[in-house]
C-alpha atoms as a PDB file:
ATOM      1  CA  MET A   1       4.335  22.135   3.538  1.00  0.00           C
ATOM      2  CA  MET A   2       2.984  18.683   4.255  1.00  0.00           C
ATOM      3  CA  ALA A   3       4.015  15.774   1.433  1.00  0.00           C
ATOM      4  CA  LYS A   4       0.768  14.692   0.314  1.00  0.00           C
ATOM      5  CA  ILE A   5       1.680  10.984   0.684  1.00  0.00           C
ATOM      6  CA  SER A   6       5.031   9.704   2.406  1.00  0.00           C
ATOM      7  CA  THR A   7       6.531   6.782   3.187  1.00  0.00           C
ATOM      8  CA  GLU A   8       8.914   5.603   5.402  1.00  0.00           C
ATOM      9  CA  LYS A   9      10.485   2.306   5.821  1.00  0.00           C
ATOM     10  CA  LEU A  10       7.644   0.740   3.380  1.00  0.00           C
ATOM     11  CA  ASN A  11       8.059  -2.945   2.859  1.00  0.00           C
ATOM     12  CA  LEU A  12       6.577  -5.215   0.813  1.00  0.00           C
ATOM     13  CA  TRP A  13       6.332  -9.225   0.249  1.00  0.00           C
ATOM     14  CA  TYR A  14       5.092 -11.470  -2.563  1.00  0.00           C
ATOM     15  CA  GLY A  15       5.569 -14.343  -0.611  1.00  0.00           C
ATOM     16  CA  ASP A  16       9.516 -14.808   0.065  1.00  0.00           C
ATOM     17  CA  PHE A  17      10.296 -12.333  -2.830  1.00  0.00           C
ATOM     18  CA  GLN A  18      11.096  -9.162  -1.911  1.00  0.00           C
ATOM     19  CA  ALA A  19       9.630  -6.434  -4.053  1.00  0.00           C
ATOM     20  CA  LEU A  20       9.888  -2.995  -2.184  1.00  0.00           C
ATOM     21  CA  LEU A  21      12.783  -2.601   0.729  1.00  0.00           C
ATOM     22  CA  ASP A  22      13.219  -0.024   3.015  1.00  0.00           C
ATOM     23  CA  VAL A  23      11.610   2.944   0.878  1.00  0.00           C
ATOM     24  CA  ASN A  24      11.504   6.308   2.297  1.00  0.00           C
ATOM     25  CA  ALA A  25      10.048   8.928   0.099  1.00  0.00           C
ATOM     26  CA  SER A  26       7.924  12.292   0.206  1.00  0.00           C
ATOM     27  CA  PHE A  27       5.471  13.472  -2.866  1.00  0.00           C
ATOM     28  CA  GLU A  28       4.714  16.726  -2.652  1.00  0.00           C
ATOM     29  CA  PRO A  29       0.846  18.058  -3.759  1.00  0.00           C
ATOM     30  CA  ASN A  30       0.154  19.598  -6.744  1.00  0.00           C
ATOM     31  CA  ARG A  31       3.111  18.007  -8.550  1.00  0.00           C
ATOM     32  CA  ILE A  32       4.045  15.465 -11.192  1.00  0.00           C
ATOM     33  CA  THR A  33       5.944  12.985  -9.954  1.00  0.00           C
ATOM     34  CA  ALA A  34       7.985  10.523 -12.163  1.00  0.00           C
ATOM     35  CA  ILE A  35       9.128   6.763 -10.911  1.00  0.00           C
ATOM     36  CA  ILE A  36      11.376   4.997 -13.274  1.00  0.00           C
ATOM     37  CA  GLY A  37      13.239   2.377 -13.189  1.00  0.00           C
ATOM     38  CA  PRO A  38      14.414  -0.759 -15.192  1.00  0.00           C
ATOM     39  CA  SER A  39      10.910  -4.127 -15.771  1.00  0.00           C
ATOM     40  CA  GLY A  40      10.895  -5.244 -12.163  1.00  0.00           C
ATOM     41  CA  CYS A  41      12.461  -2.802  -9.999  1.00  0.00           C
ATOM     42  CA  GLY A  42       8.808  -2.205  -7.948  1.00  0.00           C
ATOM     43  CA  LYS A  43       7.888   0.874  -9.480  1.00  0.00           C
ATOM     44  CA  SER A  44       3.977  -0.326 -10.256  1.00  0.00           C
ATOM     45  CA  THR A  45       4.363  -2.671  -6.847  1.00  0.00           C
ATOM     46  CA  MET A  46       4.809   0.708  -5.132  1.00  0.00           C
ATOM     47  CA  LEU A  47       2.622   2.549  -7.069  1.00  0.00           C
ATOM     48  CA  ARG A  48      -0.028   0.270  -5.919  1.00  0.00           C
ATOM     49  CA  VAL A  49       0.481   0.097  -2.179  1.00  0.00           C
ATOM     50  CA  PHE A  50      -0.741   3.877  -2.404  1.00  0.00           C
ATOM     51  CA  ASN A  51      -4.405   2.554  -2.952  1.00  0.00           C
ATOM     52  CA  ARG A  52      -4.150  -0.659  -0.727  1.00  0.00           C
ATOM     53  CA  MET A  53      -4.080  -2.506  -4.784  1.00  0.00           C
ATOM     54  CA  ASN A  54      -1.771  -5.240  -3.998  1.00  0.00           C
ATOM     55  CA  ASP A  55      -4.413  -6.140  -1.047  1.00  0.00           C
ATOM     56  CA  LEU A  56      -5.888  -8.264  -4.071  1.00  0.00           C
ATOM     57  CA  ILE A  57      -2.605 -10.313  -4.224  1.00  0.00           C
ATOM     58  CA  GLU A  58      -2.577 -13.185  -1.972  1.00  0.00           C
ATOM     59  CA  ASN A  59       0.195 -13.902   0.098  1.00  0.00           C
ATOM     60  CA  VAL A  60       1.038 -10.436   0.095  1.00  0.00           C
ATOM     61  CA  LYS A  61       2.731  -8.675   3.075  1.00  0.00           C
ATOM     62  CA  THR A  62       3.869  -4.767   3.757  1.00  0.00           C
ATOM     63  CA  SER A  63       5.526  -3.323   6.817  1.00  0.00           C
ATOM     64  CA  GLY A  64       6.713   0.599   7.446  1.00  0.00           C
ATOM     65  CA  LYS A  65       4.189   3.582   7.250  1.00  0.00           C
ATOM     66  CA  VAL A  66       2.181   5.184   4.211  1.00  0.00           C
ATOM     67  CA  LEU A  67       1.192   8.094   4.587  1.00  0.00           C
ATOM     68  CA  VAL A  68      -1.578  10.115   2.704  1.00  0.00           C
ATOM     69  CA  ASP A  69      -2.716  13.434   4.399  1.00  0.00           C
ATOM     70  CA  GLY A  70      -0.663  12.514   7.563  1.00  0.00           C
ATOM     71  CA  VAL A  71      -3.008   9.032   7.847  1.00  0.00           C
ATOM     72  CA  ASP A  72      -1.321   6.080   7.593  1.00  0.00           C
ATOM     73  CA  ILE A  73      -3.094   3.803   4.954  1.00  0.00           C
ATOM     74  CA  LEU A  74      -1.401   0.661   6.282  1.00  0.00           C
ATOM     75  CA  ASP A  75      -3.595   0.727   9.467  1.00  0.00           C
ATOM     76  CA  LEU A  76      -5.466  -2.525   9.622  1.00  0.00           C
ATOM     77  CA  ASP A  77      -8.890  -0.083  10.060  1.00  0.00           C
ATOM     78  CA  ALA A  78      -7.613   2.377   7.262  1.00  0.00           C
ATOM     79  CA  ASP A  79     -11.423   3.543   5.198  1.00  0.00           C
ATOM     80  CA  LEU A  80      -9.973   1.600   1.808  1.00  0.00           C
ATOM     81  CA  VAL A  81     -13.760   2.525   0.076  1.00  0.00           C
ATOM     82  CA  LYS A  82     -12.600   6.349   1.025  1.00  0.00           C
ATOM     83  CA  LEU A  83      -8.834   5.736   0.261  1.00  0.00           C
ATOM     84  CA  ARG A  84      -9.322   4.642  -3.296  1.00  0.00           C
ATOM     85  CA  LYS A  85     -12.187   7.577  -3.766  1.00  0.00           C
ATOM     86  CA  GLU A  86      -9.275   9.695  -2.742  1.00  0.00           C
ATOM     87  CA  VAL A  87      -6.447   7.844  -4.772  1.00  0.00           C
ATOM     88  CA  GLY A  88      -7.210   6.961  -8.113  1.00  0.00           C
ATOM     89  CA  MET A  89      -5.981   4.996 -10.431  1.00  0.00           C
ATOM     90  CA  VAL A  90      -4.982   4.602 -14.203  1.00  0.00           C
ATOM     91  CA  PHE A  91      -3.591   1.917 -15.831  1.00  0.00           C
ATOM     92  CA  GLN A  92      -1.560   0.604 -19.093  1.00  0.00           C
ATOM     93  CA  ARG A  93      -4.172   0.117 -21.244  1.00  0.00           C
ATOM     94  CA  PRO A  94      -7.215   2.416 -20.948  1.00  0.00           C
ATOM     95  CA  ASN A  95     -10.323  -0.006 -19.017  1.00  0.00           C
ATOM     96  CA  PRO A  96     -13.741   1.628 -19.703  1.00  0.00           C
ATOM     97  CA  PHE A  97     -16.806   0.002 -18.533  1.00  0.00           C
ATOM     98  CA  PRO A  98     -18.823  -1.246 -21.352  1.00  0.00           C
ATOM     99  CA  LEU A  99     -21.443   0.990 -21.282  1.00  0.00           C
ATOM    100  CA  SER A 100     -22.164   4.611 -22.185  1.00  0.00           C
ATOM    101  CA  ILE A 101     -19.864   7.195 -21.986  1.00  0.00           C
ATOM    102  CA  TYR A 102     -22.112   9.073 -19.510  1.00  0.00           C
ATOM    103  CA  GLU A 103     -22.785   5.990 -17.281  1.00  0.00           C
ATOM    104  CA  ASN A 104     -18.932   5.423 -16.979  1.00  0.00           C
ATOM    105  CA  ILE A 105     -18.449   8.593 -15.955  1.00  0.00           C
ATOM    106  CA  VAL A 106     -21.142   9.048 -12.939  1.00  0.00           C
ATOM    107  CA  PHE A 107     -20.378   4.779 -11.972  1.00  0.00           C
ATOM    108  CA  GLY A 108     -18.151   5.774  -9.515  1.00  0.00           C
ATOM    109  CA  LYS A 109     -20.898   8.722  -7.915  1.00  0.00           C
ATOM    110  CA  ARG A 110     -23.440   5.858  -7.858  1.00  0.00           C
ATOM    111  CA  VAL A 111     -21.238   3.818  -5.640  1.00  0.00           C
ATOM    112  CA  HIS A 112     -20.566   6.046  -3.715  1.00  0.00           C
ATOM    113  CA  ALA A 113     -23.756   8.138  -3.162  1.00  0.00           C
ATOM    114  CA  GLU A 114     -27.255   6.819  -3.899  1.00  0.00           C
ATOM    115  CA  ASN A 115     -30.288   9.102  -5.365  1.00  0.00           C
ATOM    116  CA  ILE A 116     -27.916  11.884  -7.032  1.00  0.00           C
ATOM    117  CA  LYS A 117     -30.212  13.813  -8.925  1.00  0.00           C
ATOM    118  CA  ARG A 118     -29.876  13.247 -12.363  1.00  0.00           C
ATOM    119  CA  ASP A 119     -28.987  17.886 -12.960  1.00  0.00           C
ATOM    120  CA  LYS A 120     -26.660  16.767 -10.204  1.00  0.00           C
ATOM    121  CA  LEU A 121     -24.857  13.874 -12.477  1.00  0.00           C
ATOM    122  CA  ASP A 122     -25.609  15.778 -15.781  1.00  0.00           C
ATOM    123  CA  GLU A 123     -23.407  18.401 -13.911  1.00  0.00           C
ATOM    124  CA  THR A 124     -20.448  15.731 -13.012  1.00  0.00           C
ATOM    125  CA  VAL A 125     -20.182  14.518 -16.066  1.00  0.00           C
ATOM    126  CA  GLU A 126     -19.648  17.592 -17.816  1.00  0.00           C
ATOM    127  CA  MET A 127     -17.426  19.350 -15.314  1.00  0.00           C
ATOM    128  CA  SER A 128     -15.013  15.880 -15.200  1.00  0.00           C
ATOM    129  CA  LEU A 129     -15.199  15.713 -19.662  1.00  0.00           C
ATOM    130  CA  LYS A 130     -14.260  19.011 -19.927  1.00  0.00           C
ATOM    131  CA  SER A 131     -11.533  18.921 -16.708  1.00  0.00           C
ATOM    132  CA  VAL A 132      -9.472  16.415 -19.353  1.00  0.00           C
ATOM    133  CA  LEU A 133     -10.298  18.143 -22.627  1.00  0.00           C
ATOM    134  CA  LEU A 134     -13.399  15.882 -23.705  1.00  0.00           C
ATOM    135  CA  TRP A 135     -16.333  17.946 -23.411  1.00  0.00           C
ATOM    136  CA  ASP A 136     -16.788  19.278 -26.422  1.00  0.00           C
ATOM    137  CA  GLU A 137     -15.795  16.297 -28.511  1.00  0.00           C
ATOM    138  CA  LEU A 138     -18.128  14.273 -26.830  1.00  0.00           C
ATOM    139  CA  LYS A 139     -21.251  16.826 -25.878  1.00  0.00           C
ATOM    140  CA  ASP A 140     -23.364  14.900 -27.956  1.00  0.00           C
ATOM    141  CA  ARG A 141     -22.295  11.196 -28.086  1.00  0.00           C
ATOM    142  CA  LEU A 142     -23.111  10.878 -24.211  1.00  0.00           C
ATOM    143  CA  LYS A 143     -25.349   7.778 -24.567  1.00  0.00           C
ATOM    144  CA  GLU A 144     -22.722   6.335 -27.435  1.00  0.00           C
ATOM    145  CA  SER A 145     -20.724   3.139 -26.083  1.00  0.00           C
ATOM    146  CA  ALA A 146     -17.363   3.742 -24.177  1.00  0.00           C
ATOM    147  CA  LEU A 147     -15.716   1.003 -25.889  1.00  0.00           C
ATOM    148  CA  ARG A 148     -16.110   2.968 -29.356  1.00  0.00           C
ATOM    149  CA  LEU A 149     -13.932   5.867 -28.355  1.00  0.00           C
ATOM    150  CA  SER A 150     -10.175   6.067 -30.059  1.00  0.00           C
ATOM    151  CA  LEU A 151      -7.363   4.995 -27.321  1.00  0.00           C
ATOM    152  CA  GLU A 152      -6.511   8.495 -26.194  1.00  0.00           C
ATOM    153  CA  GLN A 153     -10.504   9.088 -25.440  1.00  0.00           C
ATOM    154  CA  LYS A 154     -10.314   5.738 -23.869  1.00  0.00           C
ATOM    155  CA  GLN A 155      -7.529   7.243 -21.201  1.00  0.00           C
ATOM    156  CA  ARG A 156      -9.181  10.745 -21.022  1.00  0.00           C
ATOM    157  CA  LEU A 157     -12.137   9.047 -19.976  1.00  0.00           C
ATOM    158  CA  CYS A 158     -10.753   6.653 -17.379  1.00  0.00           C
ATOM    159  CA  ILE A 159      -8.952  10.221 -15.748  1.00  0.00           C
ATOM    160  CA  ALA A 160     -12.638  11.648 -15.684  1.00  0.00           C
ATOM    161  CA  ARG A 161     -13.974   8.452 -13.882  1.00  0.00           C
ATOM    162  CA  LEU A 162     -11.576   9.475 -11.297  1.00  0.00           C
ATOM    163  CA  ILE A 163     -11.613  13.304 -10.981  1.00  0.00           C
ATOM    164  CA  ALA A 164     -15.355  12.517 -10.860  1.00  0.00           C
ATOM    165  CA  VAL A 165     -15.284  10.503  -8.033  1.00  0.00           C
ATOM    166  CA  LYS A 166     -13.335  13.818  -6.570  1.00  0.00           C
ATOM    167  CA  SER A 167      -9.886  11.435  -6.504  1.00  0.00           C
ATOM    168  CA  ASP A 168      -7.024  14.345  -5.084  1.00  0.00           C
ATOM    169  CA  VAL A 169      -4.634  11.728  -6.551  1.00  0.00           C
ATOM    170  CA  LEU A 170      -4.222  10.573  -9.659  1.00  0.00           C
ATOM    171  CA  LEU A 171      -1.816   7.791 -10.332  1.00  0.00           C
ATOM    172  CA  MET A 172      -0.503   6.849 -13.415  1.00  0.00           C
ATOM    173  CA  ASP A 173       0.861   2.907 -14.598  1.00  0.00           C
ATOM    174  CA  GLU A 174       2.667   3.712 -18.087  1.00  0.00           C
ATOM    175  CA  PRO A 175      -0.500   5.528 -19.111  1.00  0.00           C
ATOM    176  CA  CYS A 176       1.112   6.637 -22.491  1.00  0.00           C
ATOM    177  CA  SER A 177       2.589   2.920 -23.113  1.00  0.00           C
ATOM    178  CA  THR A 178      -0.508   1.436 -25.766  1.00  0.00           C
ATOM    179  CA  LEU A 179      -0.309   5.324 -27.374  1.00  0.00           C
ATOM    180  CA  ASP A 180       1.488   6.955 -30.681  1.00  0.00           C
ATOM    181  CA  PRO A 181       3.298   9.732 -29.882  1.00  0.00           C
ATOM    182  CA  GLN A 182       0.964  12.398 -30.915  1.00  0.00           C
ATOM    183  CA  ALA A 183      -1.905  11.154 -28.277  1.00  0.00           C
ATOM    184  CA  THR A 184       0.697  10.373 -25.920  1.00  0.00           C
ATOM    185  CA  ALA A 185       1.821  14.412 -26.524  1.00  0.00           C
ATOM    186  CA  LYS A 186      -1.558  15.094 -25.878  1.00  0.00           C
ATOM    187  CA  ILE A 187      -1.759  13.177 -22.641  1.00  0.00           C
ATOM    188  CA  GLU A 188       1.302  14.488 -20.522  1.00  0.00           C
ATOM    189  CA  GLU A 189      -0.171  18.484 -21.984  1.00  0.00           C
ATOM    190  CA  LEU A 190      -3.226  17.480 -20.434  1.00  0.00           C
ATOM    191  CA  MET A 191      -1.236  16.075 -16.656  1.00  0.00           C
ATOM    192  CA  ARG A 192      -0.008  19.598 -16.699  1.00  0.00           C
ATOM    193  CA  GLU A 193      -2.846  20.920 -16.540  1.00  0.00           C
ATOM    194  CA  LEU A 194      -4.134  18.690 -14.059  1.00  0.00           C
ATOM    195  CA  LYS A 195      -1.076  18.821 -11.537  1.00  0.00           C
ATOM    196  CA  ASN A 196      -2.874  22.429 -10.683  1.00  0.00           C
ATOM    197  CA  LYS A 197      -5.922  20.590  -9.065  1.00  0.00           C
ATOM    198  CA  TYR A 198      -4.249  17.153  -8.518  1.00  0.00           C
ATOM    199  CA  THR A 199      -0.673  15.634  -6.874  1.00  0.00           C
ATOM    200  CA  ILE A 200       0.032  13.185 -10.480  1.00  0.00           C
ATOM    201  CA  ILE A 201       1.939   9.967  -9.488  1.00  0.00           C
ATOM    202  CA  ILE A 202       3.303   8.732 -12.949  1.00  0.00           C
ATOM    203  CA  VAL A 203       5.456   5.444 -13.601  1.00  0.00           C
ATOM    204  CA  THR A 204       6.892   4.875 -16.330  1.00  0.00           C
ATOM    205  CA  HIS A 205       9.477   3.652 -19.157  1.00  0.00           C
ATOM    206  CA  ASN A 206       9.731   6.404 -21.034  1.00  0.00           C
ATOM    207  CA  MET A 207      12.794   8.530 -19.925  1.00  0.00           C
ATOM    208  CA  GLN A 208      12.629  11.431 -21.923  1.00  0.00           C
ATOM    209  CA  GLN A 209       8.816  11.635 -21.056  1.00  0.00           C
ATOM    210  CA  ALA A 210      10.296  11.333 -17.033  1.00  0.00           C
ATOM    211  CA  ALA A 211      12.281  14.463 -18.307  1.00  0.00           C
ATOM    212  CA  ARG A 212       9.500  16.282 -20.497  1.00  0.00           C
ATOM    213  CA  VAL A 213       6.270  15.766 -17.822  1.00  0.00           C
ATOM    214  CA  SER A 214       7.092  15.726 -13.928  1.00  0.00           C
ATOM    215  CA  ASP A 215       8.539  18.001 -11.555  1.00  0.00           C
ATOM    216  CA  ASP A 216      10.433  15.764  -9.657  1.00  0.00           C
ATOM    217  CA  THR A 217      11.468  12.056 -10.815  1.00  0.00           C
ATOM    218  CA  GLY A 218      12.525   9.141  -8.168  1.00  0.00           C
ATOM    219  CA  PHE A 219      14.701   6.293  -9.395  1.00  0.00           C
ATOM    220  CA  MET A 220      14.184   2.614  -8.586  1.00  0.00           C
ATOM    221  CA  LEU A 221      16.006  -0.645  -9.084  1.00  0.00           C
ATOM    222  CA  LEU A 222      15.443  -3.842  -7.150  1.00  0.00           C
ATOM    223  CA  GLY A 223      13.534  -2.739  -5.384  1.00  0.00           C
ATOM    224  CA  GLU A 224      15.258  -0.314  -3.961  1.00  0.00           C
ATOM    225  CA  LEU A 225      14.591   3.651  -4.354  1.00  0.00           C
ATOM    226  CA  VAL A 226      18.164   4.663  -5.398  1.00  0.00           C
ATOM    227  CA  GLU A 227      17.931   8.648  -5.908  1.00  0.00           C
ATOM    228  CA  PHE A 228      14.817  10.773  -5.416  1.00  0.00           C
ATOM    229  CA  GLY A 229      14.919  14.685  -6.316  1.00  0.00           C
ATOM    230  CA  LYS A 230      13.764  17.558  -8.327  1.00  0.00           C
ATOM    231  CA  THR A 231      13.804  16.136 -12.203  1.00  0.00           C
ATOM    232  CA  GLU A 232      16.385  18.206 -13.388  1.00  0.00           C
ATOM    233  CA  GLU A 233      19.268  17.593 -11.118  1.00  0.00           C
ATOM    234  CA  ILE A 234      18.333  13.582 -11.191  1.00  0.00           C
ATOM    235  CA  PHE A 235      18.517  13.960 -15.353  1.00  0.00           C
ATOM    236  CA  THR A 236      21.657  16.475 -14.980  1.00  0.00           C
ATOM    237  CA  ALA A 237      23.269  15.694 -11.911  1.00  0.00           C
ATOM    238  CA  PRO A 238      22.883  12.333 -10.087  1.00  0.00           C
ATOM    239  CA  LYS A 239      23.910  11.618  -7.043  1.00  0.00           C
ATOM    240  CA  ASP A 240      24.464   8.026  -7.285  1.00  0.00           C
ATOM    241  CA  LYS A 241      26.484   6.205 -10.173  1.00  0.00           C
ATOM    242  CA  ARG A 242      23.620   3.400 -10.688  1.00  0.00           C
ATOM    243  CA  THR A 243      21.308   6.667 -11.389  1.00  0.00           C
ATOM    244  CA  GLU A 244      23.550   7.969 -13.834  1.00  0.00           C
ATOM    245  CA  ASP A 245      24.364   4.618 -15.135  1.00  0.00           C
ATOM    246  CA  TYR A 246      20.826   4.009 -16.037  1.00  0.00           C
ATOM    247  CA  ILE A 247      20.065   7.613 -17.199  1.00  0.00           C
ATOM    248  CA  THR A 248      22.702   7.506 -19.796  1.00  0.00           C
ATOM    249  CA  GLY A 249      21.433   4.121 -21.072  1.00  0.00           C
ATOM    250  CA  ARG A 250      24.518   1.732 -19.201  1.00  0.00           C
ATOM    251  CA  TYR A 251      22.188  -0.270 -17.080  1.00  0.00           C
ATOM    252  CA  GLY A 252      18.848  -1.426 -18.013  1.00  0.00           C
END
């Protein structure tokens, strides 16, 4: 099976500081991969490489390859609009637009295509909200501001926005860090449902969360991908002492 995303000798610098060191990784489709490691180790930097979000930061330089469906997205002529449609991102703090629930979901559709008929937009809204298990809760509130939703509902809505534009890959940067345990459990359950159709890569500080939801885990330290493999093996029989020290709480 071809990897959905793979990296070959990926390096990244912020000015003179090297944040990623020769990262080689392979992310398979329809699996949840967790990236763990202490603060500042390069987890979020690597995640943002996958949809070229680091391009928005000054003095960023990359080398190596990042293949999405076999195409190197670091090429100068890479289509960034297409890439960010296919590889969507959910952030630590849910960031709905100050628009209605309905307009939040169709926003990307309107950006990527003109003159979509209203019934098609209606279908997209219903499908997207059903995908994140929000349709029954919100179907009579679509004209309300998305800013009035609970934190958990806002995070689900942000995921629904990606589903609406048909993203293949969902990047999640600490998606539960602002949520209480009950809301976190619901988002984790949603991730398990979504992996049937999407490839999910999650950055998390919460090792219990990584153990609960992910199929594969990568451990990062000081910009290096120290170890990468099946979650069960990483947590029960890590091959690298640094991984073992981190997982058992002796480091970081």
